[in-house]
Amino acid sequence: MADVAFSICVYLGSRPGLNPRFTAAAQAVGTYIGSQGGQLVYGGGRSGLMGVVAEATRQAGGRVVGVIPQSLVDKELANTQCDELHIVQTMHERKAMMAERSDAFLALPGGIGTLEELFEVWTWRQLGYHDKPVGLLDVDGYYASLLTFLRHSVDSTLMNPWQMGLIDTGDDVIALLNRLLTQARQHPQRSGQPALLA
């Protein structure tokens, strides 16, 4: 495997969505990763925003690592253009491998799968299973209502403010990615986890 400056796991929709800014954001994220010598780790799909971020990364010179369950391969949804395409049997295997291969995590607009992946990796961080930064890109206010609800959870004392502090949110692609990678370089990885490569 070629050396890469960093590996970032991106969660996002397998559909494009109606808002063209979602596609533009996925393209910008992929272009950033590739132009900075990075590696995209994602769900291995070729459709929707997933396909957009993978192609943008590849076009900008970055590596693409896809992790996809056999059930989705059987539906012909796998992106065969990945530098590495790992076919696993379960969603649990998929998410574990994606997390292990990444230095940071970023969620873009998506559906329940994206939300589930975001909340799981955020929960893992609060429990101390990893100390890798987690970001939420709020494209055109897509996650505004969710963030309002999460702040309501804090106000209701069902969440602590420090838990909210474990996720970095923003609407600027470059600024948020820069913050996530800066945080990743500042936090040494736990034993058995891959260190940031640059």
N, C-alpha and C. Protein backbone atom coordinates (compact mmCIF):
# COMPACT_ATOMS: atom_id res chain seq x y z
N MET A 1 0.83 -1.20 0.00
CA MET A 1 0.00 0.00 0.00
C MET A 1 0.86 1.24 0.00
N ALA A 2 0.52 2.21 -0.81
CA ALA A 2 1.27 3.46 -0.87
C ALA A 2 1.06 4.25 0.41
N ASP A 3 2.10 5.02 0.78
CA ASP A 3 1.97 5.88 1.94
C ASP A 3 0.94 6.96 1.68
N VAL A 4 0.16 7.27 2.71
CA VAL A 4 -0.82 8.34 2.61
C VAL A 4 -0.62 9.27 3.80
N ALA A 5 -1.00 10.54 3.63
CA ALA A 5 -0.81 11.52 4.69
C ALA A 5 -1.77 11.30 5.85
N PHE A 6 -2.96 10.80 5.55
CA PHE A 6 -3.98 10.56 6.57
C PHE A 6 -5.08 9.71 5.96
N SER A 7 -5.87 9.11 6.80
CA SER A 7 -7.05 8.37 6.36
C SER A 7 -8.26 8.94 7.09
N ILE A 8 -9.28 9.31 6.34
CA ILE A 8 -10.48 9.85 6.96
C ILE A 8 -11.69 9.06 6.51
N CYS A 9 -12.51 8.67 7.47
CA CYS A 9 -13.73 7.93 7.20
C CYS A 9 -14.86 8.92 6.97
N VAL A 10 -15.53 8.77 5.85
CA VAL A 10 -16.63 9.67 5.51
C VAL A 10 -17.92 8.87 5.43
N TYR A 11 -18.91 9.32 6.20
CA TYR A 11 -20.25 8.75 6.17
C TYR A 11 -21.16 9.70 5.40
N LEU A 12 -21.92 9.18 4.45
CA LEU A 12 -22.81 10.03 3.67
C LEU A 12 -23.78 9.18 2.88
N GLY A 13 -24.76 9.82 2.27
CA GLY A 13 -25.86 9.12 1.66
C GLY A 13 -25.52 8.31 0.42
N SER A 14 -26.25 7.22 0.24
CA SER A 14 -26.16 6.44 -0.99
C SER A 14 -27.11 6.98 -2.05
N ARG A 15 -27.83 8.04 -1.71
CA ARG A 15 -28.66 8.78 -2.65
C ARG A 15 -28.08 10.17 -2.81
N PRO A 16 -28.36 10.85 -3.91
CA PRO A 16 -27.80 12.19 -4.10
C PRO A 16 -28.54 13.27 -3.33
N GLY A 17 -29.82 13.05 -3.03
CA GLY A 17 -30.60 14.10 -2.40
C GLY A 17 -31.01 15.15 -3.42
N LEU A 18 -31.96 16.00 -3.04
CA LEU A 18 -32.49 17.00 -3.95
C LEU A 18 -31.64 18.27 -4.03
N ASN A 19 -30.87 18.53 -2.97
CA ASN A 19 -30.12 19.78 -2.90
C ASN A 19 -28.76 19.62 -3.59
N PRO A 20 -28.48 20.37 -4.64
CA PRO A 20 -27.19 20.24 -5.34
C PRO A 20 -25.99 20.59 -4.46
N ARG A 21 -26.24 21.31 -3.37
CA ARG A 21 -25.13 21.64 -2.47
C ARG A 21 -24.61 20.40 -1.75
N PHE A 22 -25.43 19.36 -1.61
CA PHE A 22 -24.95 18.12 -1.02
C PHE A 22 -23.89 17.49 -1.92
N THR A 23 -24.17 17.47 -3.22
CA THR A 23 -23.20 16.92 -4.17
C THR A 23 -21.94 17.76 -4.20
N ALA A 24 -22.10 19.07 -4.18
CA ALA A 24 -20.93 19.96 -4.19
C ALA A 24 -20.06 19.74 -2.95
N ALA A 25 -20.70 19.53 -1.81
CA ALA A 25 -19.94 19.29 -0.58
C ALA A 25 -19.19 17.97 -0.65
N ALA A 26 -19.85 16.93 -1.17
CA ALA A 26 -19.18 15.63 -1.31
C ALA A 26 -17.99 15.74 -2.26
N GLN A 27 -18.15 16.49 -3.34
CA GLN A 27 -17.04 16.71 -4.27
C GLN A 27 -15.90 17.46 -3.60
N ALA A 28 -16.24 18.47 -2.80
CA ALA A 28 -15.22 19.27 -2.12
C ALA A 28 -14.44 18.44 -1.11
N VAL A 29 -15.15 17.58 -0.38
CA VAL A 29 -14.48 16.71 0.59
C VAL A 29 -13.52 15.76 -0.12
N GLY A 30 -13.98 15.12 -1.18
CA GLY A 30 -13.11 14.21 -1.91
C GLY A 30 -11.91 14.91 -2.53
N THR A 31 -12.14 16.09 -3.08
CA THR A 31 -11.04 16.86 -3.67
C THR A 31 -10.01 17.23 -2.62
N TYR A 32 -10.48 17.63 -1.45
CA TYR A 32 -9.56 17.97 -0.35
C TYR A 32 -8.72 16.74 0.01
N ILE A 33 -9.36 15.61 0.22
CA ILE A 33 -8.64 14.41 0.63
C ILE A 33 -7.57 14.05 -0.40
N GLY A 34 -7.96 14.04 -1.67
CA GLY A 34 -7.00 13.68 -2.71
C GLY A 34 -5.88 14.68 -2.87
N SER A 35 -6.21 15.95 -2.83
CA SER A 35 -5.20 17.00 -3.05
C SER A 35 -4.21 17.08 -1.90
N GLN A 36 -4.59 16.60 -0.72
CA GLN A 36 -3.70 16.62 0.44
C GLN A 36 -2.96 15.30 0.63
N GLY A 37 -3.06 14.43 -0.36
CA GLY A 37 -2.36 13.15 -0.27
C GLY A 37 -3.00 12.17 0.70
N GLY A 38 -4.29 12.33 0.91
CA GLY A 38 -4.99 11.51 1.88
C GLY A 38 -5.67 10.29 1.29
N GLN A 39 -6.33 9.58 2.17
CA GLN A 39 -7.04 8.35 1.82
C GLN A 39 -8.46 8.43 2.34
N LEU A 40 -9.41 8.16 1.48
CA LEU A 40 -10.81 8.08 1.86
C LEU A 40 -11.14 6.65 2.27
N VAL A 41 -11.78 6.54 3.43
CA VAL A 41 -12.35 5.27 3.86
C VAL A 41 -13.86 5.47 3.91
N TYR A 42 -14.60 4.64 3.19
CA TYR A 42 -16.05 4.85 3.13
C TYR A 42 -16.75 3.53 2.86
N GLY A 43 -18.06 3.58 2.67
CA GLY A 43 -18.86 2.37 2.60
C GLY A 43 -18.81 1.58 1.32
N GLY A 44 -17.99 2.00 0.36
CA GLY A 44 -17.73 1.19 -0.82
C GLY A 44 -18.79 1.22 -1.90
N GLY A 45 -19.77 2.11 -1.78
CA GLY A 45 -20.83 2.18 -2.78
C GLY A 45 -20.47 3.08 -3.96
N ARG A 46 -21.18 2.88 -5.05
CA ARG A 46 -20.92 3.68 -6.25
C ARG A 46 -22.05 4.66 -6.55
N SER A 47 -23.12 4.63 -5.77
CA SER A 47 -24.27 5.49 -6.05
C SER A 47 -24.33 6.69 -5.10
N GLY A 48 -25.12 7.67 -5.50
CA GLY A 48 -25.40 8.82 -4.66
C GLY A 48 -24.16 9.60 -4.25
N LEU A 49 -24.24 10.19 -3.06
CA LEU A 49 -23.13 10.99 -2.55
C LEU A 49 -21.90 10.14 -2.28
N MET A 50 -22.11 8.86 -1.97
CA MET A 50 -20.97 7.97 -1.75
C MET A 50 -20.12 7.87 -3.01
N GLY A 51 -20.77 7.69 -4.13
CA GLY A 51 -20.03 7.62 -5.38
C GLY A 51 -19.33 8.92 -5.73
N VAL A 52 -19.96 10.03 -5.38
CA VAL A 52 -19.39 11.35 -5.67
C VAL A 52 -18.10 11.56 -4.90
N VAL A 53 -18.11 11.30 -3.59
CA VAL A 53 -16.91 11.55 -2.79
C VAL A 53 -15.77 10.63 -3.20
N ALA A 54 -16.10 9.39 -3.56
CA ALA A 54 -15.06 8.45 -3.99
C ALA A 54 -14.42 8.89 -5.30
N GLU A 55 -15.25 9.28 -6.26
CA GLU A 55 -14.71 9.70 -7.55
C GLU A 55 -13.91 10.99 -7.42
N ALA A 56 -14.38 11.92 -6.62
CA ALA A 56 -13.64 13.17 -6.43
C ALA A 56 -12.29 12.92 -5.77
N THR A 57 -12.25 12.01 -4.82
CA THR A 57 -10.98 11.66 -4.18
C THR A 57 -10.03 11.06 -5.20
N ARG A 58 -10.52 10.14 -5.98
CA ARG A 58 -9.69 9.46 -6.99
C ARG A 58 -9.18 10.44 -8.03
N GLN A 59 -10.07 11.32 -8.49
CA GLN A 59 -9.67 12.31 -9.51
C GLN A 59 -8.62 13.28 -9.00
N ALA A 60 -8.62 13.52 -7.68
CA ALA A 60 -7.65 14.46 -7.09
C ALA A 60 -6.37 13.76 -6.66
N GLY A 61 -6.27 12.47 -6.93
CA GLY A 61 -5.02 11.76 -6.65
C GLY A 61 -4.97 11.01 -5.34
N GLY A 62 -6.09 10.92 -4.63
CA GLY A 62 -6.11 10.21 -3.36
C GLY A 62 -6.44 8.75 -3.51
N ARG A 63 -6.21 8.00 -2.45
CA ARG A 63 -6.58 6.58 -2.43
C ARG A 63 -7.99 6.44 -1.90
N VAL A 64 -8.67 5.39 -2.35
CA VAL A 64 -10.04 5.13 -1.93
C VAL A 64 -10.13 3.70 -1.39
N VAL A 65 -10.56 3.57 -0.14
CA VAL A 65 -10.77 2.28 0.49
C VAL A 65 -12.25 2.12 0.76
N GLY A 66 -12.86 1.12 0.14
CA GLY A 66 -14.27 0.85 0.34
C GLY A 66 -14.47 -0.41 1.15
N VAL A 67 -15.47 -0.39 2.01
CA VAL A 67 -15.81 -1.56 2.82
C VAL A 67 -17.32 -1.78 2.67
N ILE A 68 -17.69 -2.92 2.12
CA ILE A 68 -19.09 -3.13 1.76
C ILE A 68 -19.51 -4.56 2.09
N PRO A 69 -20.71 -4.74 2.60
CA PRO A 69 -21.19 -6.09 2.86
C PRO A 69 -21.55 -6.84 1.58
N GLN A 70 -21.43 -8.15 1.64
CA GLN A 70 -21.72 -8.98 0.47
C GLN A 70 -23.13 -8.76 -0.05
N SER A 71 -24.07 -8.50 0.85
CA SER A 71 -25.46 -8.32 0.43
C SER A 71 -25.62 -7.14 -0.53
N LEU A 72 -24.80 -6.09 -0.34
CA LEU A 72 -24.86 -4.95 -1.25
C LEU A 72 -24.08 -5.21 -2.53
N VAL A 73 -23.02 -5.99 -2.43
CA VAL A 73 -22.30 -6.39 -3.64
C VAL A 73 -23.24 -7.18 -4.55
N ASP A 74 -24.04 -8.03 -3.94
CA ASP A 74 -24.98 -8.85 -4.70
C ASP A 74 -26.01 -8.00 -5.44
N LYS A 75 -26.26 -6.81 -4.93
CA LYS A 75 -27.20 -5.89 -5.60
C LYS A 75 -26.49 -4.99 -6.61
N GLU A 76 -25.20 -5.29 -6.86
CA GLU A 76 -24.40 -4.55 -7.84
C GLU A 76 -24.23 -3.08 -7.47
N LEU A 77 -24.05 -2.83 -6.17
CA LEU A 77 -23.87 -1.45 -5.71
C LEU A 77 -22.43 -1.13 -5.36
N ALA A 78 -21.52 -2.09 -5.50
CA ALA A 78 -20.12 -1.87 -5.11
C ALA A 78 -19.38 -1.02 -6.13
N ASN A 79 -18.45 -0.21 -5.63
CA ASN A 79 -17.62 0.63 -6.48
C ASN A 79 -16.33 -0.12 -6.80
N THR A 80 -16.25 -0.65 -8.00
CA THR A 80 -15.09 -1.45 -8.38
C THR A 80 -13.87 -0.60 -8.71
N GLN A 81 -13.99 0.72 -8.65
CA GLN A 81 -12.87 1.62 -8.92
C GLN A 81 -12.04 1.90 -7.67
N CYS A 82 -12.44 1.35 -6.52
CA CYS A 82 -11.69 1.57 -5.29
C CYS A 82 -10.28 0.99 -5.39
N ASP A 83 -9.31 1.64 -4.75
CA ASP A 83 -7.97 1.08 -4.66
C ASP A 83 -7.98 -0.20 -3.83
N GLU A 84 -8.80 -0.21 -2.80
CA GLU A 84 -9.04 -1.40 -2.00
C GLU A 84 -10.55 -1.52 -1.82
N LEU A 85 -11.09 -2.68 -2.11
CA LEU A 85 -12.50 -2.94 -1.88
C LEU A 85 -12.60 -4.18 -1.00
N HIS A 86 -12.99 -3.99 0.24
CA HIS A 86 -13.10 -5.08 1.20
C HIS A 86 -14.56 -5.52 1.28
N ILE A 87 -14.80 -6.78 1.02
CA ILE A 87 -16.15 -7.32 1.08
C ILE A 87 -16.29 -8.12 2.38
N VAL A 88 -17.22 -7.69 3.21
CA VAL A 88 -17.42 -8.30 4.52
C VAL A 88 -18.83 -8.91 4.56
N GLN A 89 -19.11 -9.64 5.65
CA GLN A 89 -20.39 -10.34 5.74
C GLN A 89 -21.46 -9.54 6.49
N THR A 90 -21.05 -8.70 7.42
CA THR A 90 -22.04 -8.00 8.24
C THR A 90 -21.74 -6.51 8.32
N MET A 91 -22.76 -5.75 8.72
CA MET A 91 -22.57 -4.32 8.94
C MET A 91 -21.63 -4.06 10.11
N HIS A 92 -21.64 -4.94 11.10
CA HIS A 92 -20.73 -4.77 12.24
C HIS A 92 -19.28 -4.85 11.77
N GLU A 93 -18.99 -5.83 10.91
CA GLU A 93 -17.63 -5.94 10.37
C GLU A 93 -17.28 -4.71 9.55
N ARG A 94 -18.23 -4.24 8.77
CA ARG A 94 -18.00 -3.06 7.92
C ARG A 94 -17.61 -1.86 8.76
N LYS A 95 -18.40 -1.57 9.78
CA LYS A 95 -18.15 -0.37 10.59
C LYS A 95 -16.86 -0.50 11.39
N ALA A 96 -16.58 -1.70 11.89
CA ALA A 96 -15.35 -1.89 12.65
C ALA A 96 -14.12 -1.68 11.79
N MET A 97 -14.13 -2.22 10.57
CA MET A 97 -12.99 -2.04 9.68
C MET A 97 -12.81 -0.59 9.27
N MET A 98 -13.92 0.09 8.96
CA MET A 98 -13.84 1.50 8.59
C MET A 98 -13.24 2.32 9.72
N ALA A 99 -13.65 2.03 10.95
CA ALA A 99 -13.14 2.79 12.10
C ALA A 99 -11.65 2.50 12.32
N GLU A 100 -11.28 1.24 12.19
CA GLU A 100 -9.89 0.85 12.42
C GLU A 100 -8.95 1.48 11.41
N ARG A 101 -9.40 1.64 10.17
CA ARG A 101 -8.56 2.15 9.10
C ARG A 101 -8.48 3.68 9.06
N SER A 102 -9.16 4.37 9.97
CA SER A 102 -9.31 5.83 9.86
C SER A 102 -8.66 6.57 11.02
N ASP A 103 -8.23 7.79 10.72
CA ASP A 103 -7.68 8.70 11.73
C ASP A 103 -8.72 9.68 12.25
N ALA A 104 -9.78 9.89 11.48
CA ALA A 104 -10.84 10.83 11.85
C ALA A 104 -12.10 10.42 11.11
N PHE A 105 -13.23 10.99 11.55
CA PHE A 105 -14.53 10.64 10.97
C PHE A 105 -15.28 11.92 10.61
N LEU A 106 -16.00 11.86 9.49
CA LEU A 106 -16.78 13.01 9.05
C LEU A 106 -18.10 12.53 8.46
N ALA A 107 -19.20 13.11 8.95
CA ALA A 107 -20.52 12.80 8.41
C ALA A 107 -21.02 13.95 7.55
N LEU A 108 -21.49 13.62 6.37
CA LEU A 108 -22.16 14.55 5.46
C LEU A 108 -23.64 14.21 5.44
N PRO A 109 -24.46 14.93 4.69
CA PRO A 109 -25.87 14.57 4.62
C PRO A 109 -26.08 13.12 4.21
N GLY A 110 -27.04 12.51 4.85
CA GLY A 110 -27.36 11.12 4.56
C GLY A 110 -28.62 10.72 5.30
N GLY A 111 -28.98 9.45 5.20
CA GLY A 111 -30.18 8.94 5.83
C GLY A 111 -29.89 8.21 7.12
N ILE A 112 -30.71 7.21 7.45
CA ILE A 112 -30.58 6.57 8.75
C ILE A 112 -29.27 5.81 8.90
N GLY A 113 -28.73 5.28 7.80
CA GLY A 113 -27.44 4.60 7.89
C GLY A 113 -26.33 5.55 8.29
N THR A 114 -26.32 6.73 7.68
CA THR A 114 -25.33 7.75 8.02
C THR A 114 -25.47 8.17 9.47
N LEU A 115 -26.69 8.39 9.90
CA LEU A 115 -26.93 8.80 11.29
C LEU A 115 -26.48 7.72 12.25
N GLU A 116 -26.79 6.47 11.94
CA GLU A 116 -26.40 5.37 12.82
C GLU A 116 -24.89 5.28 12.95
N GLU A 117 -24.18 5.42 11.83
CA GLU A 117 -22.72 5.35 11.85
C GLU A 117 -22.13 6.51 12.64
N LEU A 118 -22.67 7.71 12.44
CA LEU A 118 -22.20 8.88 13.18
C LEU A 118 -22.39 8.69 14.68
N PHE A 119 -23.58 8.30 15.09
CA PHE A 119 -23.85 8.18 16.52
C PHE A 119 -23.05 7.05 17.15
N GLU A 120 -22.81 5.99 16.41
CA GLU A 120 -22.02 4.89 16.97
C GLU A 120 -20.58 5.32 17.21
N VAL A 121 -19.95 5.95 16.23
CA VAL A 121 -18.55 6.32 16.39
C VAL A 121 -18.40 7.43 17.43
N TRP A 122 -19.41 8.29 17.55
CA TRP A 122 -19.44 9.32 18.59
C TRP A 122 -19.57 8.66 19.97
N THR A 123 -20.44 7.67 20.09
CA THR A 123 -20.60 6.94 21.34
C THR A 123 -19.32 6.21 21.71
N TRP A 124 -18.68 5.58 20.73
CA TRP A 124 -17.41 4.90 21.00
C TRP A 124 -16.39 5.88 21.57
N ARG A 125 -16.40 7.11 21.06
CA ARG A 125 -15.43 8.08 21.57
C ARG A 125 -15.73 8.45 23.01
N GLN A 126 -16.99 8.66 23.34
CA GLN A 126 -17.32 9.04 24.71
C GLN A 126 -17.03 7.91 25.69
N LEU A 127 -17.08 6.66 25.21
CA LEU A 127 -16.79 5.51 26.07
C LEU A 127 -15.30 5.21 26.16
N GLY A 128 -14.49 5.92 25.36
CA GLY A 128 -13.05 5.74 25.43
C GLY A 128 -12.50 4.64 24.56
N TYR A 129 -13.33 4.12 23.63
CA TYR A 129 -12.83 3.09 22.72
C TYR A 129 -11.87 3.67 21.69
N HIS A 130 -11.96 4.96 21.43
CA HIS A 130 -11.01 5.64 20.57
C HIS A 130 -11.00 7.11 20.96
N ASP A 131 -9.99 7.82 20.52
CA ASP A 131 -9.94 9.27 20.74
C ASP A 131 -9.69 9.97 19.42
N LYS A 132 -10.36 9.50 18.39
CA LYS A 132 -10.23 10.09 17.06
C LYS A 132 -11.33 11.13 16.88
N PRO A 133 -11.01 12.24 16.25
CA PRO A 133 -12.00 13.31 16.10
C PRO A 133 -13.17 12.91 15.22
N VAL A 134 -14.33 13.46 15.57
CA VAL A 134 -15.58 13.19 14.86
C VAL A 134 -16.17 14.52 14.40
N GLY A 135 -16.48 14.63 13.13
CA GLY A 135 -17.02 15.87 12.59
C GLY A 135 -18.38 15.68 11.93
N LEU A 136 -19.17 16.74 11.95
CA LEU A 136 -20.48 16.75 11.31
C LEU A 136 -20.55 17.98 10.41
N LEU A 137 -20.62 17.75 9.10
CA LEU A 137 -20.68 18.84 8.14
C LEU A 137 -22.14 19.20 7.88
N ASP A 138 -22.53 20.37 8.35
CA ASP A 138 -23.93 20.81 8.24
C ASP A 138 -24.11 21.58 6.94
N VAL A 139 -24.34 20.84 5.87
CA VAL A 139 -24.44 21.44 4.54
C VAL A 139 -25.81 22.10 4.37
N ASP A 140 -25.81 23.39 4.17
CA ASP A 140 -27.03 24.15 3.89
C ASP A 140 -28.11 23.90 4.95
N GLY A 141 -27.68 23.77 6.21
CA GLY A 141 -28.63 23.60 7.30
C GLY A 141 -29.26 22.22 7.42
N TYR A 142 -28.72 21.23 6.71
CA TYR A 142 -29.32 19.89 6.73
C TYR A 142 -29.43 19.33 8.15
N TYR A 143 -28.40 19.58 8.96
CA TYR A 143 -28.39 19.03 10.32
C TYR A 143 -28.78 20.05 11.39
N ALA A 144 -29.29 21.20 10.99
CA ALA A 144 -29.62 22.24 11.95
C ALA A 144 -30.63 21.77 12.99
N SER A 145 -31.68 21.10 12.54
CA SER A 145 -32.71 20.63 13.48
C SER A 145 -32.15 19.56 14.42
N LEU A 146 -31.29 18.70 13.89
CA LEU A 146 -30.67 17.68 14.73
C LEU A 146 -29.81 18.32 15.81
N LEU A 147 -29.04 19.33 15.44
CA LEU A 147 -28.18 20.00 16.41
C LEU A 147 -29.01 20.73 17.46
N THR A 148 -30.12 21.29 17.05
CA THR A 148 -31.02 21.92 18.02
C THR A 148 -31.54 20.89 19.01
N PHE A 149 -31.93 19.72 18.50
CA PHE A 149 -32.41 18.65 19.37
C PHE A 149 -31.32 18.19 20.34
N LEU A 150 -30.10 18.05 19.85
CA LEU A 150 -29.01 17.61 20.70
C LEU A 150 -28.73 18.62 21.82
N ARG A 151 -28.80 19.89 21.48
CA ARG A 151 -28.64 20.92 22.52
C ARG A 151 -29.79 20.85 23.52
N HIS A 152 -30.99 20.52 23.03
CA HIS A 152 -32.13 20.32 23.92
C HIS A 152 -31.88 19.15 24.87
N SER A 153 -31.22 18.11 24.37
CA SER A 153 -30.89 16.96 25.22
C SER A 153 -29.94 17.37 26.33
N VAL A 154 -28.99 18.25 26.00
CA VAL A 154 -28.08 18.76 27.03
C VAL A 154 -28.85 19.60 28.04
N ASP A 155 -29.71 20.49 27.55
CA ASP A 155 -30.51 21.33 28.45
C ASP A 155 -31.41 20.49 29.34
N SER A 156 -31.83 19.32 28.85
CA SER A 156 -32.70 18.43 29.62
C SER A 156 -31.90 17.52 30.55
N THR A 157 -30.58 17.68 30.57
CA THR A 157 -29.63 16.94 31.39
C THR A 157 -29.60 15.44 31.06
N LEU A 158 -30.05 15.07 29.87
CA LEU A 158 -29.90 13.70 29.41
C LEU A 158 -28.60 13.49 28.65
N MET A 159 -27.94 14.59 28.34
CA MET A 159 -26.58 14.58 27.81
C MET A 159 -25.78 15.61 28.59
N ASN A 160 -24.48 15.39 28.64
CA ASN A 160 -23.58 16.35 29.27
C ASN A 160 -22.95 17.25 28.21
N PRO A 161 -22.65 18.50 28.57
CA PRO A 161 -21.99 19.38 27.60
C PRO A 161 -20.69 18.79 27.05
N TRP A 162 -19.95 18.04 27.87
CA TRP A 162 -18.68 17.49 27.38
C TRP A 162 -18.91 16.47 26.27
N GLN A 163 -20.08 15.82 26.28
CA GLN A 163 -20.37 14.89 25.20
C GLN A 163 -20.55 15.62 23.88
N MET A 164 -21.22 16.76 23.92
CA MET A 164 -21.35 17.59 22.72
C MET A 164 -19.99 18.08 22.26
N GLY A 165 -19.09 18.26 23.21
CA GLY A 165 -17.74 18.72 22.87
C GLY A 165 -16.90 17.70 22.14
N LEU A 166 -17.38 16.46 22.08
CA LEU A 166 -16.64 15.40 21.39
C LEU A 166 -16.93 15.34 19.90
N ILE A 167 -17.82 16.23 19.43
CA ILE A 167 -18.13 16.28 18.00
C ILE A 167 -17.93 17.70 17.52
N ASP A 168 -17.26 17.84 16.40
CA ASP A 168 -16.95 19.15 15.83
C ASP A 168 -17.90 19.39 14.67
N THR A 169 -18.64 20.47 14.72
CA THR A 169 -19.62 20.76 13.67
C THR A 169 -19.25 22.04 12.92
N GLY A 170 -19.69 22.13 11.69
CA GLY A 170 -19.43 23.33 10.90
C GLY A 170 -20.02 23.18 9.51
N ASP A 171 -20.04 24.28 8.78
CA ASP A 171 -20.59 24.25 7.42
C ASP A 171 -19.56 24.55 6.35
N ASP A 172 -18.31 24.73 6.76
CA ASP A 172 -17.22 25.02 5.83
C ASP A 172 -16.36 23.76 5.69
N VAL A 173 -16.34 23.20 4.49
CA VAL A 173 -15.63 21.94 4.25
C VAL A 173 -14.17 22.02 4.65
N ILE A 174 -13.46 23.00 4.12
CA ILE A 174 -12.01 23.09 4.34
C ILE A 174 -11.70 23.34 5.81
N ALA A 175 -12.40 24.27 6.42
CA ALA A 175 -12.14 24.61 7.82
C ALA A 175 -12.38 23.40 8.73
N LEU A 176 -13.48 22.69 8.49
CA LEU A 176 -13.78 21.54 9.34
C LEU A 176 -12.78 20.42 9.15
N LEU A 177 -12.43 20.11 7.91
CA LEU A 177 -11.43 19.06 7.66
C LEU A 177 -10.08 19.44 8.26
N ASN A 178 -9.69 20.69 8.14
CA ASN A 178 -8.43 21.13 8.74
C ASN A 178 -8.44 20.92 10.25
N ARG A 179 -9.57 21.25 10.89
CA ARG A 179 -9.66 21.07 12.35
C ARG A 179 -9.59 19.59 12.73
N LEU A 180 -10.30 18.75 12.00
CA LEU A 180 -10.29 17.33 12.31
C LEU A 180 -8.89 16.74 12.19
N LEU A 181 -8.18 17.11 11.14
CA LEU A 181 -6.84 16.54 10.96
C LEU A 181 -5.85 17.10 11.97
N THR A 182 -6.02 18.37 12.34
CA THR A 182 -5.18 18.94 13.40
C THR A 182 -5.41 18.20 14.71
N GLN A 183 -6.68 17.95 15.04
CA GLN A 183 -7.00 17.20 16.26
C GLN A 183 -6.43 15.80 16.20
N ALA A 184 -6.53 15.15 15.05
CA ALA A 184 -6.02 13.78 14.92
C ALA A 184 -4.53 13.71 15.18
N ARG A 185 -3.81 14.71 14.72
CA ARG A 185 -2.36 14.72 14.91
C ARG A 185 -1.98 15.02 16.36
N GLN A 186 -2.88 15.64 17.10
CA GLN A 186 -2.59 16.00 18.50
C GLN A 186 -2.88 14.87 19.47
N HIS A 187 -3.65 13.85 19.03
CA HIS A 187 -4.05 12.77 19.92
C HIS A 187 -3.39 11.47 19.51
N PRO A 188 -2.45 10.96 20.33
CA PRO A 188 -1.87 9.65 20.01
C PRO A 188 -2.93 8.57 20.07
N GLN A 189 -2.77 7.55 19.22
CA GLN A 189 -3.76 6.49 19.15
C GLN A 189 -3.52 5.46 20.24
N ARG A 190 -4.59 4.78 20.62
CA ARG A 190 -4.48 3.70 21.59
C ARG A 190 -3.74 2.50 20.98
N SER A 191 -3.20 1.66 21.82
CA SER A 191 -2.52 0.48 21.36
C SER A 191 -3.42 -0.34 20.44
N GLY A 192 -2.85 -0.76 19.33
CA GLY A 192 -3.60 -1.57 18.40
C GLY A 192 -4.34 -0.78 17.35
N GLN A 193 -4.37 0.54 17.50
CA GLN A 193 -5.04 1.38 16.51
C GLN A 193 -3.99 2.03 15.62
N PRO A 194 -4.31 2.24 14.36
CA PRO A 194 -3.34 2.86 13.45
C PRO A 194 -3.07 4.31 13.83
N ALA A 195 -1.80 4.67 13.84
CA ALA A 195 -1.45 6.07 14.11
C ALA A 195 -1.64 6.89 12.85
N LEU A 196 -1.81 8.20 13.04
CA LEU A 196 -1.87 9.08 11.89
C LEU A 196 -0.55 8.98 11.15
N LEU A 197 -0.61 8.85 9.86
CA LEU A 197 0.59 8.53 9.09
C LEU A 197 1.46 9.73 8.77
N ALA A 198 0.95 10.93 9.00
CA ALA A 198 1.77 12.12 8.70
C ALA A 198 1.65 13.12 9.82
